């Protein structure tokens, strides 16, 4: 089957425009980059704590030789210039409510074309007070299981120094350092070939969040909370999340 080319003309224009300012803002240190598949479909599952994450994560994936496609909140597509870039590079809008299934179906088309799809398992910026990963949603796991593709965990740290969570002010000086680490594919064999139930997706998603948290600990040190942050249990809204 003929695969669609990843590095289209539109992508090359976007890269030429975005990469210089990204390198001006930060240096990037990537560990285990060879664990990112060089070809074929996969789902990448990173942690999420800054609104700048998609841009920096996209650069990391590009630097490692692949082209990133994201599920992004539909409201971002209405932002001038940014919205045009997102549409022109094949990103997938996610409606605040009722659009999760359609968005995952659109992402599935990319997977079928052998492309990389980035899905934040948390679905939105972590609500955990110290920026550790919170409870995950099932979209990344569902995609990997239903299409039998690798699910690659990734953690990154340092973007919050450029654009803190919920902030709109970018810190330019001094130049920051963003560290990222790519993990081995999550072993989903215990859940493959079984009926896809809510319980199964919850178990597999928790395994993914454990791996992302473990990778993040390697980058930032310290101990992650013993229990994963649940925004609903802590009285916080999940408005704008990507439904699992």
C-alpha atoms as a PDB file:
ATOM      1  CA  UNK A   1       0.000   0.000   0.000  1.00  0.00           C
ATOM      2  CA  UNK A   2       1.327   3.414  -0.951  1.00  0.00           C
ATOM      3  CA  UNK A   3       2.067   5.587   2.067  1.00  0.00           C
ATOM      4  CA  UNK A   4       1.351   9.289   2.132  1.00  0.00           C
ATOM      5  CA  UNK A   5       4.547  11.372   2.355  1.00  0.00           C
ATOM      6  CA  UNK A   6       5.204  12.772   5.803  1.00  0.00           C
ATOM      7  CA  UNK A   7       7.319  15.828   5.046  1.00  0.00           C
ATOM      8  CA  UNK A   8       4.984  17.725   2.774  1.00  0.00           C
ATOM      9  CA  UNK A   9       5.707  21.162   1.331  1.00  0.00           C
ATOM     10  CA  UNK A  10       3.443  22.719   3.967  1.00  0.00           C
ATOM     11  CA  UNK A  11       5.305  20.998   6.772  1.00  0.00           C
ATOM     12  CA  UNK A  12       8.650  22.181   5.463  1.00  0.00           C
ATOM     13  CA  UNK A  13       7.411  25.773   5.429  1.00  0.00           C
ATOM     14  CA  UNK A  14       6.112  25.450   8.994  1.00  0.00           C
ATOM     15  CA  UNK A  15       9.426  23.952  10.126  1.00  0.00           C
ATOM     16  CA  UNK A  16      11.402  26.748   8.476  1.00  0.00           C
ATOM     17  CA  UNK A  17       9.287  29.358  10.282  1.00  0.00           C
ATOM     18  CA  UNK A  18       8.983  27.740  13.729  1.00  0.00           C
ATOM     19  CA  UNK A  19      12.293  26.026  14.345  1.00  0.00           C
ATOM     20  CA  UNK A  20      14.532  29.155  14.514  1.00  0.00           C
ATOM     21  CA  UNK A  21      12.528  30.818  17.323  1.00  0.00           C
ATOM     22  CA  UNK A  22      12.269  27.489  19.167  1.00  0.00           C
ATOM     23  CA  UNK A  23      16.045  27.162  19.078  1.00  0.00           C
ATOM     24  CA  UNK A  24      16.362  30.799  20.156  1.00  0.00           C
ATOM     25  CA  UNK A  25      14.201  30.101  23.212  1.00  0.00           C
ATOM     26  CA  UNK A  26      15.799  26.846  24.297  1.00  0.00           C
ATOM     27  CA  UNK A  27      18.399  24.164  23.746  1.00  0.00           C
ATOM     28  CA  UNK A  28      17.075  20.606  23.514  1.00  0.00           C
ATOM     29  CA  UNK A  29      18.596  17.553  25.125  1.00  0.00           C
ATOM     30  CA  UNK A  30      16.953  14.315  24.015  1.00  0.00           C
ATOM     31  CA  UNK A  31      17.679  10.955  25.608  1.00  0.00           C
ATOM     32  CA  UNK A  32      16.968   7.615  23.932  1.00  0.00           C
ATOM     33  CA  UNK A  33      15.856   9.253  20.704  1.00  0.00           C
ATOM     34  CA  UNK A  34      16.628   6.019  18.878  1.00  0.00           C
ATOM     35  CA  UNK A  35      13.599   4.447  20.555  1.00  0.00           C
ATOM     36  CA  UNK A  36      11.244   6.535  18.426  1.00  0.00           C
ATOM     37  CA  UNK A  37      10.265   4.407  15.395  1.00  0.00           C
ATOM     38  CA  UNK A  38      11.925   5.652  12.219  1.00  0.00           C
ATOM     39  CA  UNK A  39       9.030   4.469  10.053  1.00  0.00           C
ATOM     40  CA  UNK A  40       5.524   3.100  10.392  1.00  0.00           C
ATOM     41  CA  UNK A  41       2.613   4.118  12.560  1.00  0.00           C
ATOM     42  CA  UNK A  42       2.822   4.637  16.282  1.00  0.00           C
ATOM     43  CA  UNK A  43       1.133   6.585  19.066  1.00  0.00           C
ATOM     44  CA  UNK A  44       3.345   8.882  21.139  1.00  0.00           C
ATOM     45  CA  UNK A  45       2.098   9.609  24.661  1.00  0.00           C
ATOM     46  CA  UNK A  46       3.866  12.555  26.393  1.00  0.00           C
ATOM     47  CA  UNK A  47       3.165  14.396  29.632  1.00  0.00           C
ATOM     48  CA  UNK A  48       1.425  17.781  29.361  1.00  0.00           C
ATOM     49  CA  UNK A  49       1.922  20.845  31.589  1.00  0.00           C
ATOM     50  CA  UNK A  50       2.307  23.923  29.321  1.00  0.00           C
ATOM     51  CA  UNK A  51       0.344  25.308  26.391  1.00  0.00           C
ATOM     52  CA  UNK A  52       3.655  25.406  24.528  1.00  0.00           C
ATOM     53  CA  UNK A  53       4.068  21.627  24.811  1.00  0.00           C
ATOM     54  CA  UNK A  54       2.644  20.779  21.357  1.00  0.00           C
ATOM     55  CA  UNK A  55       5.136  23.080  19.646  1.00  0.00           C
ATOM     56  CA  UNK A  56       8.191  21.866  21.547  1.00  0.00           C
ATOM     57  CA  UNK A  57       7.126  18.213  21.402  1.00  0.00           C
ATOM     58  CA  UNK A  58       6.471  18.630  17.691  1.00  0.00           C
ATOM     59  CA  UNK A  59      10.000  19.929  17.222  1.00  0.00           C
ATOM     60  CA  UNK A  60      11.447  16.993  19.166  1.00  0.00           C
ATOM     61  CA  UNK A  61       9.575  14.513  16.971  1.00  0.00           C
ATOM     62  CA  UNK A  62      10.681  16.397  13.840  1.00  0.00           C
ATOM     63  CA  UNK A  63      14.293  16.423  15.046  1.00  0.00           C
ATOM     64  CA  UNK A  64      14.091  12.647  15.496  1.00  0.00           C
ATOM     65  CA  UNK A  65      13.047  12.257  11.869  1.00  0.00           C
ATOM     66  CA  UNK A  66       9.262  12.016  12.035  1.00  0.00           C
ATOM     67  CA  UNK A  67       6.394  14.426  11.429  1.00  0.00           C
ATOM     68  CA  UNK A  68       4.041  15.106  14.358  1.00  0.00           C
ATOM     69  CA  UNK A  69       0.245  15.031  14.193  1.00  0.00           C
ATOM     70  CA  UNK A  70      -1.742  16.043  17.262  1.00  0.00           C
ATOM     71  CA  UNK A  71      -5.224  15.916  18.638  1.00  0.00           C
ATOM     72  CA  UNK A  72      -5.730  19.565  19.665  1.00  0.00           C
ATOM     73  CA  UNK A  73      -8.624  21.440  21.241  1.00  0.00           C
ATOM     74  CA  UNK A  74     -10.915  22.841  18.548  1.00  0.00           C
ATOM     75  CA  UNK A  75     -10.748  26.305  20.117  1.00  0.00           C
ATOM     76  CA  UNK A  76      -7.039  26.526  19.201  1.00  0.00           C
ATOM     77  CA  UNK A  77      -7.968  26.196  15.527  1.00  0.00           C
ATOM     78  CA  UNK A  78      -9.772  29.541  15.778  1.00  0.00           C
ATOM     79  CA  UNK A  79      -6.602  31.410  16.784  1.00  0.00           C
ATOM     80  CA  UNK A  80      -5.359  33.552  13.862  1.00  0.00           C
ATOM     81  CA  UNK A  81      -2.272  32.201  12.091  1.00  0.00           C
ATOM     82  CA  UNK A  82      -1.947  29.283  14.521  1.00  0.00           C
ATOM     83  CA  UNK A  83      -5.246  27.843  13.325  1.00  0.00           C
ATOM     84  CA  UNK A  84      -4.136  28.042   9.707  1.00  0.00           C
ATOM     85  CA  UNK A  85      -0.893  26.266  10.569  1.00  0.00           C
ATOM     86  CA  UNK A  86      -2.760  23.506  12.407  1.00  0.00           C
ATOM     87  CA  UNK A  87      -5.164  22.932   9.534  1.00  0.00           C
ATOM     88  CA  UNK A  88      -2.408  23.051   6.926  1.00  0.00           C
ATOM     89  CA  UNK A  89      -0.345  20.406   8.701  1.00  0.00           C
ATOM     90  CA  UNK A  90      -3.130  17.911   9.267  1.00  0.00           C
ATOM     91  CA  UNK A  91      -3.719  18.389  12.975  1.00  0.00           C
ATOM     92  CA  UNK A  92      -7.002  17.066  14.382  1.00  0.00           C
ATOM     93  CA  UNK A  93      -9.512  19.308  16.215  1.00  0.00           C
ATOM     94  CA  UNK A  94     -11.208  17.937  19.316  1.00  0.00           C
ATOM     95  CA  UNK A  95     -14.531  19.440  20.373  1.00  0.00           C
ATOM     96  CA  UNK A  96     -15.067  20.201  24.055  1.00  0.00           C
ATOM     97  CA  UNK A  97     -17.935  17.747  24.245  1.00  0.00           C
ATOM     98  CA  UNK A  98     -19.225  14.981  22.049  1.00  0.00           C
ATOM     99  CA  UNK A  99     -16.380  15.093  19.541  1.00  0.00           C
ATOM    100  CA  UNK A 100     -13.968  12.583  21.028  1.00  0.00           C
ATOM    101  CA  UNK A 101     -15.080   9.634  18.917  1.00  0.00           C
ATOM    102  CA  UNK A 102     -14.918  11.624  15.666  1.00  0.00           C
ATOM    103  CA  UNK A 103     -11.454  12.916  16.539  1.00  0.00           C
ATOM    104  CA  UNK A 104     -10.147   9.445  17.307  1.00  0.00           C
ATOM    105  CA  UNK A 105     -11.596   8.247  14.010  1.00  0.00           C
ATOM    106  CA  UNK A 106      -9.696  11.001  12.197  1.00  0.00           C
ATOM    107  CA  UNK A 107      -6.512  10.055  14.038  1.00  0.00           C
ATOM    108  CA  UNK A 108      -7.106   6.424  13.053  1.00  0.00           C
ATOM    109  CA  UNK A 109      -6.879   7.442   9.393  1.00  0.00           C
ATOM    110  CA  UNK A 110      -3.403   8.808  10.047  1.00  0.00           C
ATOM    111  CA  UNK A 111      -2.398   5.597  11.797  1.00  0.00           C
ATOM    112  CA  UNK A 112      -3.667   3.594   8.837  1.00  0.00           C
ATOM    113  CA  UNK A 113      -1.404   5.706   6.620  1.00  0.00           C
ATOM    114  CA  UNK A 114       1.620   4.703   8.701  1.00  0.00           C
ATOM    115  CA  UNK A 115       2.032   8.095  10.354  1.00  0.00           C
ATOM    116  CA  UNK A 116       2.862   9.218  13.887  1.00  0.00           C
ATOM    117  CA  UNK A 117       0.016  10.449  16.088  1.00  0.00           C
ATOM    118  CA  UNK A 118       0.655  12.280  19.349  1.00  0.00           C
ATOM    119  CA  UNK A 119      -2.048  11.926  21.978  1.00  0.00           C
ATOM    120  CA  UNK A 120      -1.695  13.469  25.423  1.00  0.00           C
ATOM    121  CA  UNK A 121      -3.126  10.811  27.756  1.00  0.00           C
ATOM    122  CA  UNK A 122      -4.061  13.464  30.319  1.00  0.00           C
ATOM    123  CA  UNK A 123      -6.135  15.212  27.662  1.00  0.00           C
ATOM    124  CA  UNK A 124      -5.359  18.655  29.052  1.00  0.00           C
ATOM    125  CA  UNK A 125      -2.745  20.423  31.174  1.00  0.00           C
ATOM    126  CA  UNK A 126      -2.048  18.464  34.324  1.00  0.00           C
ATOM    127  CA  UNK A 127      -3.868  19.807  37.381  1.00  0.00           C
ATOM    128  CA  UNK A 128      -1.325  18.193  39.704  1.00  0.00           C
ATOM    129  CA  UNK A 129       0.118  21.032  41.830  1.00  0.00           C
ATOM    130  CA  UNK A 130       3.766  20.134  41.138  1.00  0.00           C
ATOM    131  CA  UNK A 131       3.229  19.320  37.443  1.00  0.00           C
ATOM    132  CA  UNK A 132       3.439  15.552  37.804  1.00  0.00           C
ATOM    133  CA  UNK A 133       1.233  13.552  35.412  1.00  0.00           C
ATOM    134  CA  UNK A 134      -2.353  13.217  36.604  1.00  0.00           C
ATOM    135  CA  UNK A 135      -4.978  10.569  35.875  1.00  0.00           C
ATOM    136  CA  UNK A 136      -4.984   9.587  32.198  1.00  0.00           C
ATOM    137  CA  UNK A 137      -7.708   9.228  29.606  1.00  0.00           C
ATOM    138  CA  UNK A 138      -8.028   6.203  27.363  1.00  0.00           C
ATOM    139  CA  UNK A 139      -7.651   7.703  23.870  1.00  0.00           C
ATOM    140  CA  UNK A 140      -3.968   6.821  23.379  1.00  0.00           C
ATOM    141  CA  UNK A 141      -4.426   3.249  24.604  1.00  0.00           C
ATOM    142  CA  UNK A 142      -7.586   2.734  22.591  1.00  0.00           C
ATOM    143  CA  UNK A 143      -5.824   3.858  19.419  1.00  0.00           C
ATOM    144  CA  UNK A 144      -2.825   1.591  20.009  1.00  0.00           C
ATOM    145  CA  UNK A 145      -4.935  -1.449  20.868  1.00  0.00           C
ATOM    146  CA  UNK A 146      -7.523  -1.119  18.102  1.00  0.00           C
ATOM    147  CA  UNK A 147      -4.898  -0.544  15.392  1.00  0.00           C
ATOM    148  CA  UNK A 148      -2.175  -2.791  16.817  1.00  0.00           C
ATOM    149  CA  UNK A 149       0.560  -0.145  16.743  1.00  0.00           C
ATOM    150  CA  UNK A 150       3.281   0.667  19.298  1.00  0.00           C
ATOM    151  CA  UNK A 151       2.483   3.104  22.083  1.00  0.00           C
ATOM    152  CA  UNK A 152       5.636   5.074  22.914  1.00  0.00           C
ATOM    153  CA  UNK A 153       5.784   6.954  26.236  1.00  0.00           C
ATOM    154  CA  UNK A 154       7.736  10.193  26.435  1.00  0.00           C
ATOM    155  CA  UNK A 155       8.456  12.725  29.151  1.00  0.00           C
ATOM    156  CA  UNK A 156       9.836  16.238  28.861  1.00  0.00           C
ATOM    157  CA  UNK A 157      10.754  18.944  31.331  1.00  0.00           C
ATOM    158  CA  UNK A 158      11.708  22.609  31.089  1.00  0.00           C
ATOM    159  CA  UNK A 159       8.950  24.034  28.886  1.00  0.00           C
ATOM    160  CA  UNK A 160       7.298  25.512  32.003  1.00  0.00           C
ATOM    161  CA  UNK A 161      10.291  27.863  32.306  1.00  0.00           C
ATOM    162  CA  UNK A 162       9.337  29.403  28.957  1.00  0.00           C
ATOM    163  CA  UNK A 163       5.554  29.366  29.350  1.00  0.00           C
ATOM    164  CA  UNK A 164       4.239  28.369  32.779  1.00  0.00           C
ATOM    165  CA  UNK A 165       1.001  26.471  33.130  1.00  0.00           C
ATOM    166  CA  UNK A 166      -2.016  28.764  32.496  1.00  0.00           C
ATOM    167  CA  UNK A 167       0.291  31.713  31.739  1.00  0.00           C
ATOM    168  CA  UNK A 168       0.223  33.799  28.572  1.00  0.00           C
ATOM    169  CA  UNK A 169       3.594  35.428  29.121  1.00  0.00           C
ATOM    170  CA  UNK A 170       6.611  33.868  27.415  1.00  0.00           C
ATOM    171  CA  UNK A 171       9.973  34.105  29.165  1.00  0.00           C
ATOM    172  CA  UNK A 172      12.671  34.758  26.557  1.00  0.00           C
ATOM    173  CA  UNK A 173      15.837  35.349  28.575  1.00  0.00           C
ATOM    174  CA  UNK A 174      17.923  33.598  29.643  1.00  0.00           C
ATOM    175  CA  UNK A 175      17.819  30.769  27.127  1.00  0.00           C
ATOM    176  CA  UNK A 176      16.236  27.701  28.676  1.00  0.00           C
ATOM    177  CA  UNK A 177      16.998  23.969  28.465  1.00  0.00           C
ATOM    178  CA  UNK A 178      14.318  21.464  27.559  1.00  0.00           C
ATOM    179  CA  UNK A 179      15.044  17.839  28.326  1.00  0.00           C
ATOM    180  CA  UNK A 180      13.134  14.942  26.840  1.00  0.00           C
ATOM    181  CA  UNK A 181      13.356  11.191  27.165  1.00  0.00           C
ATOM    182  CA  UNK A 182      11.732   8.542  24.980  1.00  0.00           C
ATOM    183  CA  UNK A 183      10.768   5.238  26.547  1.00  0.00           C
ATOM    184  CA  UNK A 184      10.406   1.710  25.268  1.00  0.00           C
ATOM    185  CA  UNK A 185       7.007   0.819  23.814  1.00  0.00           C
ATOM    186  CA  UNK A 186       4.530   0.105  26.587  1.00  0.00           C
ATOM    187  CA  UNK A 187       3.850  -3.626  26.829  1.00  0.00           C
ATOM    188  CA  UNK A 188       0.158  -3.816  25.984  1.00  0.00           C
ATOM    189  CA  UNK A 189       0.162  -7.594  25.465  1.00  0.00           C
ATOM    190  CA  UNK A 190      -1.879  -8.248  28.647  1.00  0.00           C
ATOM    191  CA  UNK A 191      -4.760  -6.291  27.083  1.00  0.00           C
ATOM    192  CA  UNK A 192      -4.484  -7.208  23.395  1.00  0.00           C
ATOM    193  CA  UNK A 193      -6.995  -9.645  21.964  1.00  0.00           C
ATOM    194  CA  UNK A 194      -9.511  -9.034  24.751  1.00  0.00           C
ATOM    195  CA  UNK A 195     -12.880  -7.271  24.553  1.00  0.00           C
ATOM    196  CA  UNK A 196     -12.294  -3.531  24.895  1.00  0.00           C
ATOM    197  CA  UNK A 197     -14.116  -2.572  28.074  1.00  0.00           C
ATOM    198  CA  UNK A 198     -13.922   0.476  30.308  1.00  0.00           C
ATOM    199  CA  UNK A 199     -12.057  -1.570  32.911  1.00  0.00           C
ATOM    200  CA  UNK A 200      -9.521  -2.838  30.385  1.00  0.00           C
ATOM    201  CA  UNK A 201      -8.843   0.665  29.042  1.00  0.00           C
ATOM    202  CA  UNK A 202      -8.468   2.011  32.579  1.00  0.00           C
ATOM    203  CA  UNK A 203      -5.921  -0.661  33.477  1.00  0.00           C
ATOM    204  CA  UNK A 204      -3.884  -0.177  30.316  1.00  0.00           C
ATOM    205  CA  UNK A 205      -4.012   3.619  30.628  1.00  0.00           C
ATOM    206  CA  UNK A 206      -2.724   3.433  34.175  1.00  0.00           C
ATOM    207  CA  UNK A 207       0.215   1.339  32.936  1.00  0.00           C
ATOM    208  CA  UNK A 208       0.993   4.069  30.401  1.00  0.00           C
ATOM    209  CA  UNK A 209       0.851   6.803  33.043  1.00  0.00           C
ATOM    210  CA  UNK A 210       3.195   4.790  35.261  1.00  0.00           C
ATOM    211  CA  UNK A 211       5.758   4.711  32.436  1.00  0.00           C
ATOM    212  CA  UNK A 212       5.426   8.427  31.667  1.00  0.00           C
ATOM    213  CA  UNK A 213       5.817   9.268  35.348  1.00  0.00           C
ATOM    214  CA  UNK A 214       8.861   6.994  35.640  1.00  0.00           C
ATOM    215  CA  UNK A 215      10.495   8.758  32.683  1.00  0.00           C
ATOM    216  CA  UNK A 216       9.712  12.177  34.130  1.00  0.00           C
ATOM    217  CA  UNK A 217      11.341  11.176  37.411  1.00  0.00           C
ATOM    218  CA  UNK A 218      14.530  10.433  35.499  1.00  0.00           C
ATOM    219  CA  UNK A 219      14.500  13.977  34.082  1.00  0.00           C
ATOM    220  CA  UNK A 220      13.558  16.052  37.100  1.00  0.00           C
ATOM    221  CA  UNK A 221      14.482  13.828  40.038  1.00  0.00           C
ATOM    222  CA  UNK A 222      12.475  13.662  43.223  1.00  0.00           C
ATOM    223  CA  UNK A 223       9.570  11.383  44.009  1.00  0.00           C
ATOM    224  CA  UNK A 224       6.244  11.498  42.246  1.00  0.00           C
ATOM    225  CA  UNK A 225       3.122  11.458  44.441  1.00  0.00           C
ATOM    226  CA  UNK A 226       2.111   7.996  45.614  1.00  0.00           C
ATOM    227  CA  UNK A 227      -1.368   8.464  44.171  1.00  0.00           C
ATOM    228  CA  UNK A 228      -2.148   9.921  40.766  1.00  0.00           C
ATOM    229  CA  UNK A 229      -3.943  13.285  40.886  1.00  0.00           C
ATOM    230  CA  UNK A 230      -7.632  13.028  40.092  1.00  0.00           C
ATOM    231  CA  UNK A 231      -8.982  16.494  39.161  1.00  0.00           C
ATOM    232  CA  UNK A 232     -12.598  15.423  39.647  1.00  0.00           C
ATOM    233  CA  UNK A 233     -11.927  14.115  43.142  1.00  0.00           C
ATOM    234  CA  UNK A 234     -10.098  17.349  43.934  1.00  0.00           C
ATOM    235  CA  UNK A 235     -12.950  19.584  42.804  1.00  0.00           C
ATOM    236  CA  UNK A 236     -11.295  20.773  39.594  1.00  0.00           C
ATOM    237  CA  UNK A 237     -12.951  21.127  36.201  1.00  0.00           C
ATOM    238  CA  UNK A 238     -11.831  19.017  33.262  1.00  0.00           C
ATOM    239  CA  UNK A 239     -13.329  21.396  30.714  1.00  0.00           C
ATOM    240  CA  UNK A 240     -11.560  21.109  27.419  1.00  0.00           C
ATOM    241  CA  UNK A 241     -10.294  17.601  28.027  1.00  0.00           C
ATOM    242  CA  UNK A 242     -10.029  14.984  25.330  1.00  0.00           C
ATOM    243  CA  UNK A 243     -12.524  12.312  26.195  1.00  0.00           C
ATOM    244  CA  UNK A 244     -11.296   8.742  26.343  1.00  0.00           C
END
